[in-house]
Amino acid sequence: MKSGFFKILSVFFLAFMFSGCGYNAMQKNEEGVNKAWGDLESQLQRRADLVPNLVSTVKGAADFEQETLTNVIEARSKASSVQLTPEMLSDPAAMAKFQSAQGELSSMLSRLMVVVERYPELKANQNFRDLQNQLEGTENRISVARQRYNASVETFNYSIRMFPNSLTNGIVLHLKPKEYFKGDASVQQVPQVEF
């Protein structure tokens, strides 16, 4: 009878210890990072899905620069080929490679939009304007999703470093800090186009 009582008491004690030492909070925060990453990935995929329609519409314009279109297609292909699973969010090299590929696609799309300024008949095309509006909306959603992802990473990284969570993490969970999604330096530069 006494051994059963001590077993039940031990279970309650362990449950109290895990909840008081941040075990559950760290798990919850990691799930928050994974969800925010999934949201960001879906917006990046939406942008990648818009590119073929955009390129097809632009191709219709007579004598449009083929080099620009080729660069956009190659950047989309590269961005789509670099995948990052939630387990890889703690790998700085994998995150840097992913960000570089996405940054290159952003840069090529920005360049495409600048080059389009030279083609007034293309700018007047309703299909192109619709795609351009969708692309701008998607870029805004990517920006918001990236901010939310970085905020969830900040919460998670702090939760695994604060005391006593750091002890629990070091002994039981072994969670690693997640990498932030940083803006690509090349995207911050204004595309140079010679007219």
Foldseek 3Di string as FASTA:
>chain_A
DVVVVVVVVVVVVVVCVCVVFCVVVLVVLLVQLQVLVVQLVVLLVVLLVLLVVLLVLQVPDPPQDPVLSVQLVVLSVLLVVLDDHSVCQQPPVSLVSNLVSSLSNLQSVLVVVVSCVVPVVSVVDPSNVVSVVVNVVSVVSSVVSLVSSQVSLVVNVVSCPDPPNVVCCVPPPVDGRGDRNDHDPSSPDRDDDDD
